[in-house]
């Protein structure tokens, strides 16, 4: 009975090694096919360098009255929000505009 058990273990080990070989072969073939596909799809892309000079400031100057109105609004919001202001306060319709609007 001990011999038959050993032969069963040997046969199972040999089955495992045989089943592993096709997997390894399959992985190798996948790598090769991927390399072929990659070489077919590989194209050179050229980029043109663009240099942009720095621009001092963004947009026109903001009048002092407008800056003061925004500061007062933010102080009111901070008083009601434990000393904090949030992005939603800037986008709120009650907030004065942050730029001169010419319609």
Protein backbone atom coordinates (compact mmCIF):
# COMPACT_ATOMS: atom_id res chain seq x y z
CA UNK A 1 0.00 0.00 0.00
CA UNK A 2 2.92 2.34 0.68
CA UNK A 3 4.28 1.78 -2.84
CA UNK A 4 0.97 2.59 -4.47
CA UNK A 5 0.75 5.83 -2.47
CA UNK A 6 4.24 6.85 -3.63
CA UNK A 7 3.37 6.04 -7.23
CA UNK A 8 0.19 8.16 -6.94
CA UNK A 9 2.22 11.10 -5.60
CA UNK A 10 4.79 10.70 -8.40
CA UNK A 11 2.07 10.58 -11.04
CA UNK A 12 0.43 13.72 -9.60
CA UNK A 13 3.78 15.54 -9.55
CA UNK A 14 4.44 14.55 -13.14
CA UNK A 15 0.94 15.76 -14.11
CA UNK A 16 1.61 19.12 -12.44
CA UNK A 17 4.90 19.57 -14.26
CA UNK A 18 3.28 18.68 -17.58
CA UNK A 19 0.42 21.12 -17.02
CA UNK A 20 2.87 23.91 -16.13
CA UNK A 21 4.79 23.58 -19.41
CA UNK A 22 1.91 24.69 -21.69
CA UNK A 23 1.32 27.68 -19.43
CA UNK A 24 4.96 28.72 -19.73
CA UNK A 25 4.83 28.21 -23.49
CA UNK A 26 1.65 30.27 -23.65
CA UNK A 27 3.19 33.12 -21.66
CA UNK A 28 6.19 33.13 -23.99
CA UNK A 29 4.00 33.27 -27.06
CA UNK A 30 1.96 36.12 -25.55
CA UNK A 31 5.14 38.10 -24.93
CA UNK A 32 6.25 37.53 -28.52
CA UNK A 33 2.88 38.50 -29.97
CA UNK A 34 2.80 41.62 -27.78
CA UNK A 35 6.26 42.63 -29.01
CA UNK A 36 5.11 42.18 -32.62
CA UNK A 37 1.99 44.23 -31.99
CA UNK A 38 3.99 46.92 -30.21
CA UNK A 39 6.48 47.19 -33.07
CA UNK A 40 3.64 47.54 -35.62
CA UNK A 41 1.89 50.29 -33.65
CA UNK A 42 5.07 52.22 -32.79
CA UNK A 43 5.26 55.47 -34.73
CA UNK A 44 7.48 58.47 -34.24
CA UNK A 45 5.66 61.60 -33.12
CA UNK A 46 7.42 64.91 -33.47
CA UNK A 47 6.61 67.86 -31.25
CA UNK A 48 7.26 71.49 -31.99
CA UNK A 49 8.72 73.50 -29.12
CA UNK A 50 6.73 76.61 -28.32
CA UNK A 51 8.16 79.40 -26.19
CA UNK A 52 5.77 81.84 -24.52
CA UNK A 53 7.06 84.98 -22.84
CA UNK A 54 5.92 85.67 -19.29
CA UNK A 55 3.02 88.08 -18.98
CA UNK A 56 3.09 90.35 -15.91
CA UNK A 57 -0.33 90.14 -14.23
CA UNK A 58 -3.53 88.63 -15.51
CA UNK A 59 -6.06 91.03 -16.93
CA UNK A 60 -6.50 94.72 -16.19
CA UNK A 61 -6.03 96.37 -12.81
CA UNK A 62 -8.91 96.00 -10.35
CA UNK A 63 -10.27 99.22 -8.80
CA UNK A 64 -9.68 99.74 -5.08
CA UNK A 65 -13.43 100.00 -4.37
CA UNK A 66 -14.01 96.54 -5.82
CA UNK A 67 -11.18 95.04 -3.78
CA UNK A 68 -12.60 96.63 -0.63
CA UNK A 69 -16.11 95.30 -1.38
CA UNK A 70 -14.78 91.74 -1.77
CA UNK A 71 -12.78 92.05 1.48
CA UNK A 72 -15.86 93.25 3.39
CA UNK A 73 -17.94 90.38 1.99
CA UNK A 74 -15.28 87.84 3.00
CA UNK A 75 -15.12 89.31 6.53
CA UNK A 76 -18.91 88.88 6.85
CA UNK A 77 -18.68 85.28 5.64
CA UNK A 78 -15.79 84.52 8.00
CA UNK A 79 -17.81 85.86 10.94
CA UNK A 80 -20.62 83.40 10.21
CA UNK A 81 -18.29 80.44 9.44
CA UNK A 82 -15.98 80.35 12.48
CA UNK A 83 -13.35 82.56 10.90
CA UNK A 84 -13.10 80.61 7.64
CA UNK A 85 -13.92 81.42 4.05
CA UNK A 86 -14.42 78.76 1.40
CA UNK A 87 -14.38 78.57 -2.40
CA UNK A 88 -18.17 78.45 -2.42
CA UNK A 89 -18.16 81.94 -0.88
CA UNK A 90 -16.35 83.32 -3.92
CA UNK A 91 -18.75 81.68 -6.37
CA UNK A 92 -21.82 82.75 -4.37
CA UNK A 93 -24.10 85.22 -6.17
CA UNK A 94 -23.83 87.62 -3.19
CA UNK A 95 -20.06 87.97 -3.63
CA UNK A 96 -19.04 91.14 -5.48
CA UNK A 97 -17.37 90.48 -8.85
CA UNK A 98 -13.63 89.88 -8.75
CA UNK A 99 -13.08 91.79 -11.98
CA UNK A 100 -14.50 94.76 -13.83
CA UNK A 101 -17.38 93.55 -15.95
CA UNK A 102 -18.08 95.55 -19.10
CA UNK A 103 -21.29 94.32 -20.68
